[in-house]
Amino acid sequence: MTESLDRQVVAALFRDGRADVPSVAEDTDAVATTVQKRLRALEDDGVIAGYTARIDYDRIGYRTAIVRLAVDLDAIDDVTTRLRERPEFVTVYQMSGPFTVFAVGKFEDDAALAAQLHELHDDPDVRIVDTSAVRSVVREGDPPALEE
């Protein structure tokens, strides 16, 4: 029951991250006090790491770029940590295969993208940088379909 309710609570927050406890309780057919307890538990367990706005970067003129990096496995943690610390990179993954790091970046303009790429090319831990500029974002930031 708790796992199912937790998934329902998370799904409700995906739909509306600003929903209050009574709204989530209504969406999940649960009692508000139970939802509040589950929310606190999910936050304490790190399942819910925070609440944030979903931004449509295209509408404010940002460019999206996909960056794939070939990084030796002994340096992958260092490289991904450095990328996560750069606000331009909104998503960073460690991967298997020839490109061991995959990142999605949002850049104010071409000069900002070029500056980041220059730094990546100069990084001694990065062997290959492969970049693709996104022409248009078809779908972004939508939550996965969670079982309810």
N, C-alpha and C. Protein backbone atom coordinates (compact mmCIF):
# COMPACT_ATOMS: atom_id res chain seq x y z
N MET A 1 0.83 -1.20 0.00
CA MET A 1 0.00 0.00 0.00
C MET A 1 0.86 1.25 0.00
N THR A 2 1.87 1.29 0.86
CA THR A 2 2.70 2.49 0.96
C THR A 2 3.43 2.76 -0.34
N GLU A 3 4.02 1.70 -0.96
CA GLU A 3 4.74 1.89 -2.21
C GLU A 3 3.81 2.40 -3.30
N SER A 4 2.62 1.86 -3.37
CA SER A 4 1.64 2.30 -4.36
C SER A 4 1.24 3.75 -4.11
N LEU A 5 1.00 4.11 -2.86
CA LEU A 5 0.65 5.49 -2.54
C LEU A 5 1.82 6.42 -2.85
N ASP A 6 3.04 5.99 -2.54
CA ASP A 6 4.21 6.82 -2.84
C ASP A 6 4.29 7.11 -4.33
N ARG A 7 4.06 6.11 -5.16
CA ARG A 7 4.08 6.31 -6.61
C ARG A 7 2.98 7.27 -7.04
N GLN A 8 1.82 7.15 -6.43
CA GLN A 8 0.71 8.05 -6.76
C GLN A 8 1.03 9.49 -6.35
N VAL A 9 1.65 9.64 -5.19
CA VAL A 9 2.03 10.97 -4.71
C VAL A 9 3.06 11.58 -5.66
N VAL A 10 4.06 10.81 -6.04
CA VAL A 10 5.08 11.29 -6.96
C VAL A 10 4.46 11.65 -8.31
N ALA A 11 3.56 10.82 -8.81
CA ALA A 11 2.89 11.10 -10.08
C ALA A 11 2.08 12.39 -9.99
N ALA A 12 1.39 12.60 -8.88
CA ALA A 12 0.62 13.83 -8.70
C ALA A 12 1.53 15.06 -8.69
N LEU A 13 2.69 14.93 -8.07
CA LEU A 13 3.64 16.06 -8.05
C LEU A 13 4.28 16.28 -9.41
N PHE A 14 4.46 15.21 -10.19
CA PHE A 14 4.95 15.39 -11.56
C PHE A 14 3.96 16.23 -12.35
N ARG A 15 2.68 15.96 -12.17
CA ARG A 15 1.66 16.70 -12.91
C ARG A 15 1.60 18.16 -12.47
N ASP A 16 1.79 18.40 -11.18
CA ASP A 16 1.75 19.77 -10.66
C ASP A 16 2.65 19.84 -9.44
N GLY A 17 3.87 20.29 -9.64
CA GLY A 17 4.85 20.38 -8.57
C GLY A 17 4.50 21.38 -7.49
N ARG A 18 3.52 22.24 -7.75
CA ARG A 18 3.11 23.23 -6.75
C ARG A 18 1.84 22.82 -6.02
N ALA A 19 1.38 21.61 -6.27
CA ALA A 19 0.15 21.14 -5.63
C ALA A 19 0.33 21.09 -4.12
N ASP A 20 -0.71 21.50 -3.40
CA ASP A 20 -0.66 21.42 -1.94
C ASP A 20 -1.13 20.03 -1.49
N VAL A 21 -0.94 19.76 -0.21
CA VAL A 21 -1.26 18.44 0.34
C VAL A 21 -2.73 18.06 0.09
N PRO A 22 -3.69 18.96 0.34
CA PRO A 22 -5.09 18.57 0.08
C PRO A 22 -5.34 18.18 -1.39
N SER A 23 -4.69 18.88 -2.33
CA SER A 23 -4.86 18.54 -3.75
C SER A 23 -4.27 17.18 -4.07
N VAL A 24 -3.07 16.90 -3.52
CA VAL A 24 -2.45 15.60 -3.75
C VAL A 24 -3.31 14.50 -3.11
N ALA A 25 -3.84 14.78 -1.93
CA ALA A 25 -4.71 13.80 -1.27
C ALA A 25 -5.94 13.51 -2.13
N GLU A 26 -6.51 14.54 -2.72
CA GLU A 26 -7.68 14.34 -3.58
C GLU A 26 -7.29 13.53 -4.81
N ASP A 27 -6.14 13.83 -5.42
CA ASP A 27 -5.68 13.10 -6.60
C ASP A 27 -5.40 11.63 -6.32
N THR A 28 -5.00 11.32 -5.09
CA THR A 28 -4.59 9.96 -4.74
C THR A 28 -5.65 9.20 -3.95
N ASP A 29 -6.77 9.85 -3.68
CA ASP A 29 -7.84 9.25 -2.86
C ASP A 29 -7.31 8.81 -1.50
N ALA A 30 -6.42 9.63 -0.94
CA ALA A 30 -5.86 9.34 0.38
C ALA A 30 -6.21 10.48 1.33
N VAL A 31 -6.04 10.23 2.61
CA VAL A 31 -6.28 11.24 3.64
C VAL A 31 -5.10 12.21 3.65
N ALA A 32 -5.36 13.49 3.82
CA ALA A 32 -4.32 14.51 3.76
C ALA A 32 -3.18 14.25 4.76
N THR A 33 -3.51 13.81 5.97
CA THR A 33 -2.45 13.54 6.95
C THR A 33 -1.55 12.40 6.50
N THR A 34 -2.13 11.40 5.84
CA THR A 34 -1.34 10.29 5.31
C THR A 34 -0.43 10.79 4.19
N VAL A 35 -0.96 11.63 3.31
CA VAL A 35 -0.15 12.19 2.22
C VAL A 35 0.99 13.02 2.79
N GLN A 36 0.71 13.83 3.80
CA GLN A 36 1.75 14.66 4.43
C GLN A 36 2.86 13.78 5.00
N LYS A 37 2.50 12.69 5.67
CA LYS A 37 3.50 11.76 6.22
C LYS A 37 4.32 11.13 5.10
N ARG A 38 3.66 10.71 4.02
CA ARG A 38 4.38 10.09 2.91
C ARG A 38 5.31 11.10 2.23
N LEU A 39 4.85 12.34 2.08
CA LEU A 39 5.70 13.38 1.50
C LEU A 39 6.96 13.59 2.35
N ARG A 40 6.79 13.69 3.66
CA ARG A 40 7.95 13.86 4.55
C ARG A 40 8.90 12.67 4.43
N ALA A 41 8.35 11.46 4.38
CA ALA A 41 9.18 10.26 4.26
C ALA A 41 9.93 10.25 2.92
N LEU A 42 9.24 10.62 1.84
CA LEU A 42 9.88 10.67 0.53
C LEU A 42 10.98 11.72 0.49
N GLU A 43 10.75 12.84 1.14
CA GLU A 43 11.78 13.89 1.22
C GLU A 43 12.96 13.41 2.08
N ASP A 44 12.66 12.82 3.24
CA ASP A 44 13.72 12.32 4.13
C ASP A 44 14.56 11.24 3.47
N ASP A 45 13.92 10.39 2.65
CA ASP A 45 14.62 9.31 1.96
C ASP A 45 15.35 9.78 0.70
N GLY A 46 15.17 11.04 0.32
CA GLY A 46 15.84 11.57 -0.86
C GLY A 46 15.13 11.25 -2.16
N VAL A 47 13.96 10.63 -2.09
CA VAL A 47 13.19 10.36 -3.32
C VAL A 47 12.75 11.69 -3.92
N ILE A 48 12.25 12.58 -3.09
CA ILE A 48 11.95 13.94 -3.51
C ILE A 48 13.11 14.79 -3.00
N ALA A 49 13.92 15.25 -3.94
CA ALA A 49 15.13 15.99 -3.59
C ALA A 49 14.91 17.50 -3.55
N GLY A 50 13.74 17.94 -3.92
CA GLY A 50 13.44 19.36 -3.92
C GLY A 50 12.33 19.64 -4.92
N TYR A 51 11.97 20.88 -5.00
CA TYR A 51 10.91 21.33 -5.89
C TYR A 51 11.47 22.45 -6.74
N THR A 52 11.16 22.41 -8.02
CA THR A 52 11.75 23.38 -8.93
C THR A 52 10.76 23.73 -10.03
N ALA A 53 11.02 24.85 -10.68
CA ALA A 53 10.19 25.27 -11.81
C ALA A 53 10.65 24.52 -13.06
N ARG A 54 9.72 24.20 -13.93
CA ARG A 54 10.05 23.63 -15.24
C ARG A 54 10.10 24.79 -16.22
N ILE A 55 11.24 24.96 -16.85
CA ILE A 55 11.49 26.11 -17.72
C ILE A 55 11.42 25.68 -19.19
N ASP A 56 10.76 26.47 -20.00
CA ASP A 56 10.79 26.27 -21.45
C ASP A 56 11.93 27.13 -21.98
N TYR A 57 13.11 26.54 -22.08
CA TYR A 57 14.31 27.29 -22.48
C TYR A 57 14.19 27.87 -23.87
N ASP A 58 13.52 27.17 -24.79
CA ASP A 58 13.35 27.69 -26.15
C ASP A 58 12.62 29.03 -26.14
N ARG A 59 11.63 29.14 -25.29
CA ARG A 59 10.82 30.38 -25.26
C ARG A 59 11.59 31.58 -24.74
N ILE A 60 12.68 31.32 -24.01
CA ILE A 60 13.49 32.44 -23.54
C ILE A 60 14.79 32.57 -24.35
N GLY A 61 14.84 31.86 -25.48
CA GLY A 61 15.92 32.05 -26.43
C GLY A 61 17.18 31.21 -26.21
N TYR A 62 17.13 30.24 -25.34
CA TYR A 62 18.30 29.40 -25.10
C TYR A 62 18.40 28.32 -26.18
N ARG A 63 19.63 27.91 -26.46
CA ARG A 63 19.91 26.82 -27.39
C ARG A 63 20.17 25.56 -26.57
N THR A 64 19.72 24.44 -27.09
CA THR A 64 19.97 23.16 -26.44
C THR A 64 21.02 22.41 -27.24
N ALA A 65 21.97 21.82 -26.51
CA ALA A 65 23.00 21.00 -27.16
C ALA A 65 23.14 19.69 -26.42
N ILE A 66 23.36 18.64 -27.19
CA ILE A 66 23.64 17.31 -26.64
C ILE A 66 25.15 17.12 -26.75
N VAL A 67 25.78 16.76 -25.64
CA VAL A 67 27.23 16.59 -25.62
C VAL A 67 27.54 15.18 -25.16
N ARG A 68 28.29 14.47 -25.99
CA ARG A 68 28.74 13.12 -25.63
C ARG A 68 30.26 13.18 -25.49
N LEU A 69 30.75 12.59 -24.40
CA LEU A 69 32.18 12.64 -24.12
C LEU A 69 32.73 11.23 -23.96
N ALA A 70 33.88 11.00 -24.54
CA ALA A 70 34.61 9.77 -24.29
C ALA A 70 35.59 10.07 -23.16
N VAL A 71 35.36 9.40 -22.04
CA VAL A 71 36.15 9.63 -20.83
C VAL A 71 36.56 8.27 -20.30
N ASP A 72 37.82 8.14 -19.89
CA ASP A 72 38.26 6.88 -19.29
C ASP A 72 37.50 6.65 -17.99
N LEU A 73 37.21 5.39 -17.70
CA LEU A 73 36.39 5.05 -16.53
C LEU A 73 36.98 5.56 -15.22
N ASP A 74 38.30 5.64 -15.12
CA ASP A 74 38.90 6.10 -13.87
C ASP A 74 38.70 7.60 -13.64
N ALA A 75 38.27 8.34 -14.67
CA ALA A 75 38.05 9.78 -14.53
C ALA A 75 36.59 10.17 -14.65
N ILE A 76 35.72 9.18 -14.87
CA ILE A 76 34.31 9.50 -15.16
C ILE A 76 33.62 10.24 -14.01
N ASP A 77 33.90 9.84 -12.77
CA ASP A 77 33.27 10.53 -11.63
C ASP A 77 33.71 11.98 -11.56
N ASP A 78 34.98 12.24 -11.78
CA ASP A 78 35.49 13.62 -11.73
C ASP A 78 34.86 14.47 -12.83
N VAL A 79 34.78 13.92 -14.03
CA VAL A 79 34.22 14.68 -15.16
C VAL A 79 32.75 14.96 -14.93
N THR A 80 31.98 13.96 -14.52
CA THR A 80 30.55 14.20 -14.31
C THR A 80 30.31 15.17 -13.16
N THR A 81 31.15 15.12 -12.13
CA THR A 81 31.02 16.08 -11.03
C THR A 81 31.26 17.50 -11.54
N ARG A 82 32.28 17.68 -12.35
CA ARG A 82 32.56 19.02 -12.90
C ARG A 82 31.42 19.51 -13.78
N LEU A 83 30.86 18.61 -14.59
CA LEU A 83 29.74 19.02 -15.44
C LEU A 83 28.51 19.41 -14.62
N ARG A 84 28.23 18.61 -13.57
CA ARG A 84 27.06 18.92 -12.72
C ARG A 84 27.21 20.28 -12.06
N GLU A 85 28.43 20.71 -11.82
CA GLU A 85 28.66 22.00 -11.16
C GLU A 85 28.48 23.17 -12.12
N ARG A 86 28.41 22.90 -13.41
CA ARG A 86 28.20 23.96 -14.41
C ARG A 86 26.70 24.12 -14.62
N PRO A 87 26.19 25.30 -14.37
CA PRO A 87 24.73 25.47 -14.48
C PRO A 87 24.17 25.26 -15.88
N GLU A 88 25.02 25.36 -16.90
CA GLU A 88 24.54 25.17 -18.27
C GLU A 88 24.11 23.73 -18.53
N PHE A 89 24.70 22.79 -17.81
CA PHE A 89 24.36 21.38 -18.04
C PHE A 89 23.24 20.98 -17.10
N VAL A 90 22.06 20.77 -17.68
CA VAL A 90 20.88 20.48 -16.87
C VAL A 90 20.68 18.99 -16.63
N THR A 91 21.34 18.16 -17.43
CA THR A 91 21.26 16.71 -17.28
C THR A 91 22.63 16.13 -17.59
N VAL A 92 23.10 15.24 -16.72
CA VAL A 92 24.39 14.58 -16.93
C VAL A 92 24.24 13.10 -16.57
N TYR A 93 24.67 12.24 -17.50
CA TYR A 93 24.58 10.80 -17.28
C TYR A 93 25.96 10.17 -17.44
N GLN A 94 26.20 9.11 -16.66
CA GLN A 94 27.33 8.22 -16.91
C GLN A 94 26.78 7.06 -17.73
N MET A 95 27.50 6.71 -18.79
CA MET A 95 26.98 5.74 -19.76
C MET A 95 27.96 4.59 -19.97
N SER A 96 27.47 3.54 -20.57
CA SER A 96 28.35 2.48 -21.08
C SER A 96 28.58 2.79 -22.56
N GLY A 97 29.55 2.10 -23.14
CA GLY A 97 29.83 2.31 -24.56
C GLY A 97 31.00 3.24 -24.76
N PRO A 98 31.25 3.64 -26.01
CA PRO A 98 32.42 4.46 -26.30
C PRO A 98 32.32 5.88 -25.73
N PHE A 99 31.11 6.40 -25.64
CA PHE A 99 30.91 7.72 -25.02
C PHE A 99 30.37 7.48 -23.63
N THR A 100 31.20 7.72 -22.63
CA THR A 100 30.86 7.35 -21.26
C THR A 100 30.16 8.46 -20.48
N VAL A 101 30.06 9.64 -21.08
CA VAL A 101 29.32 10.74 -20.45
C VAL A 101 28.40 11.35 -21.49
N PHE A 102 27.17 11.57 -21.09
CA PHE A 102 26.15 12.17 -21.95
C PHE A 102 25.57 13.34 -21.16
N ALA A 103 25.52 14.52 -21.79
CA ALA A 103 25.01 15.70 -21.08
C ALA A 103 24.12 16.52 -22.00
N VAL A 104 23.11 17.12 -21.40
CA VAL A 104 22.24 18.06 -22.11
C VAL A 104 22.53 19.44 -21.54
N GLY A 105 22.85 20.36 -22.43
CA GLY A 105 23.17 21.71 -22.00
C GLY A 105 22.21 22.73 -22.57
N LYS A 106 22.00 23.79 -21.82
CA LYS A 106 21.16 24.91 -22.25
C LYS A 106 22.06 26.14 -22.26
N PHE A 107 22.17 26.77 -23.43
CA PHE A 107 23.14 27.85 -23.60
C PHE A 107 22.46 29.12 -24.08
N GLU A 108 22.88 30.22 -23.50
CA GLU A 108 22.29 31.52 -23.82
C GLU A 108 22.47 31.88 -25.30
N ASP A 109 23.61 31.51 -25.84
CA ASP A 109 23.89 31.81 -27.25
C ASP A 109 25.02 30.92 -27.73
N ASP A 110 25.38 31.08 -29.01
CA ASP A 110 26.44 30.25 -29.59
C ASP A 110 27.78 30.47 -28.90
N ALA A 111 28.05 31.69 -28.45
CA ALA A 111 29.32 31.98 -27.79
C ALA A 111 29.42 31.22 -26.46
N ALA A 112 28.33 31.12 -25.74
CA ALA A 112 28.33 30.38 -24.47
C ALA A 112 28.57 28.90 -24.72
N LEU A 113 27.95 28.36 -25.75
CA LEU A 113 28.16 26.97 -26.12
C LEU A 113 29.62 26.75 -26.53
N ALA A 114 30.14 27.63 -27.36
CA ALA A 114 31.52 27.50 -27.81
C ALA A 114 32.50 27.55 -26.65
N ALA A 115 32.24 28.41 -25.66
CA ALA A 115 33.13 28.50 -24.49
C ALA A 115 33.14 27.19 -23.71
N GLN A 116 31.98 26.59 -23.53
CA GLN A 116 31.91 25.32 -22.81
C GLN A 116 32.62 24.21 -23.59
N LEU A 117 32.42 24.19 -24.90
CA LEU A 117 33.06 23.17 -25.72
C LEU A 117 34.58 23.33 -25.71
N HIS A 118 35.03 24.57 -25.72
CA HIS A 118 36.48 24.83 -25.66
C HIS A 118 37.06 24.26 -24.36
N GLU A 119 36.36 24.49 -23.25
CA GLU A 119 36.82 23.95 -21.96
C GLU A 119 36.84 22.42 -21.97
N LEU A 120 35.82 21.83 -22.56
CA LEU A 120 35.76 20.37 -22.61
C LEU A 120 36.89 19.80 -23.48
N HIS A 121 37.16 20.45 -24.61
CA HIS A 121 38.26 20.00 -25.47
C HIS A 121 39.61 20.12 -24.77
N ASP A 122 39.75 21.10 -23.88
CA ASP A 122 41.00 21.30 -23.14
C ASP A 122 41.13 20.43 -21.90
N ASP A 123 40.05 19.77 -21.52
CA ASP A 123 40.06 18.94 -20.31
C ASP A 123 40.91 17.70 -20.56
N PRO A 124 41.95 17.48 -19.77
CA PRO A 124 42.82 16.33 -20.01
C PRO A 124 42.13 14.97 -19.77
N ASP A 125 41.02 14.96 -19.06
CA ASP A 125 40.30 13.71 -18.81
C ASP A 125 39.34 13.34 -19.93
N VAL A 126 39.13 14.27 -20.86
CA VAL A 126 38.17 14.05 -21.96
C VAL A 126 38.95 13.73 -23.23
N ARG A 127 38.70 12.54 -23.78
CA ARG A 127 39.40 12.12 -25.00
C ARG A 127 38.70 12.61 -26.26
N ILE A 128 37.37 12.52 -26.30
CA ILE A 128 36.60 12.92 -27.49
C ILE A 128 35.37 13.71 -27.04
N VAL A 129 35.08 14.79 -27.76
CA VAL A 129 33.87 15.58 -27.53
C VAL A 129 33.03 15.51 -28.80
N ASP A 130 31.81 15.06 -28.68
CA ASP A 130 30.87 14.99 -29.80
C ASP A 130 29.65 15.81 -29.41
N THR A 131 29.33 16.81 -30.22
CA THR A 131 28.24 17.73 -29.88
C THR A 131 27.23 17.81 -31.01
N SER A 132 25.97 17.86 -30.64
CA SER A 132 24.90 18.08 -31.60
C SER A 132 24.02 19.21 -31.07
N ALA A 133 23.82 20.22 -31.91
CA ALA A 133 22.89 21.29 -31.56
C ALA A 133 21.48 20.80 -31.85
N VAL A 134 20.58 21.02 -30.94
CA VAL A 134 19.19 20.60 -31.10
C VAL A 134 18.45 21.65 -31.93
N ARG A 135 17.80 21.22 -33.01
CA ARG A 135 17.06 22.16 -33.86
C ARG A 135 15.76 22.58 -33.21
N SER A 136 15.05 21.64 -32.63
CA SER A 136 13.81 21.98 -31.92
C SER A 136 13.56 20.92 -30.86
N VAL A 137 13.01 21.37 -29.75
CA VAL A 137 12.67 20.47 -28.66
C VAL A 137 11.23 20.03 -28.87
N VAL A 138 11.04 18.74 -29.06
CA VAL A 138 9.70 18.21 -29.31
C VAL A 138 9.00 17.92 -27.99
N ARG A 139 9.74 17.36 -27.04
CA ARG A 139 9.17 17.04 -25.74
C ARG A 139 10.30 17.07 -24.73
N GLU A 140 10.06 17.74 -23.64
CA GLU A 140 11.11 17.86 -22.63
C GLU A 140 10.48 18.07 -21.26
N GLY A 141 11.06 17.40 -20.29
CA GLY A 141 10.66 17.64 -18.92
C GLY A 141 9.35 17.00 -18.50
N ASP A 142 8.74 16.23 -19.39
CA ASP A 142 7.51 15.55 -19.01
C ASP A 142 7.86 14.36 -18.13
N PRO A 143 7.05 14.09 -17.14
CA PRO A 143 7.34 12.97 -16.26
C PRO A 143 7.08 11.65 -16.95
N PRO A 144 7.78 10.62 -16.52
CA PRO A 144 7.47 9.29 -17.04
C PRO A 144 6.10 8.85 -16.53
N ALA A 145 5.48 7.97 -17.25
CA ALA A 145 4.19 7.44 -16.80
C ALA A 145 4.45 6.51 -15.63
N LEU A 146 3.97 6.87 -14.47
CA LEU A 146 4.12 6.05 -13.27
C LEU A 146 2.83 5.29 -13.03
N GLU A 147 2.99 4.08 -12.57
CA GLU A 147 1.81 3.30 -12.22
C GLU A 147 1.10 3.96 -11.05
N GLU A 148 -0.18 4.02 -11.15
CA GLU A 148 -0.94 4.61 -10.04
C GLU A 148 -1.77 3.54 -9.36
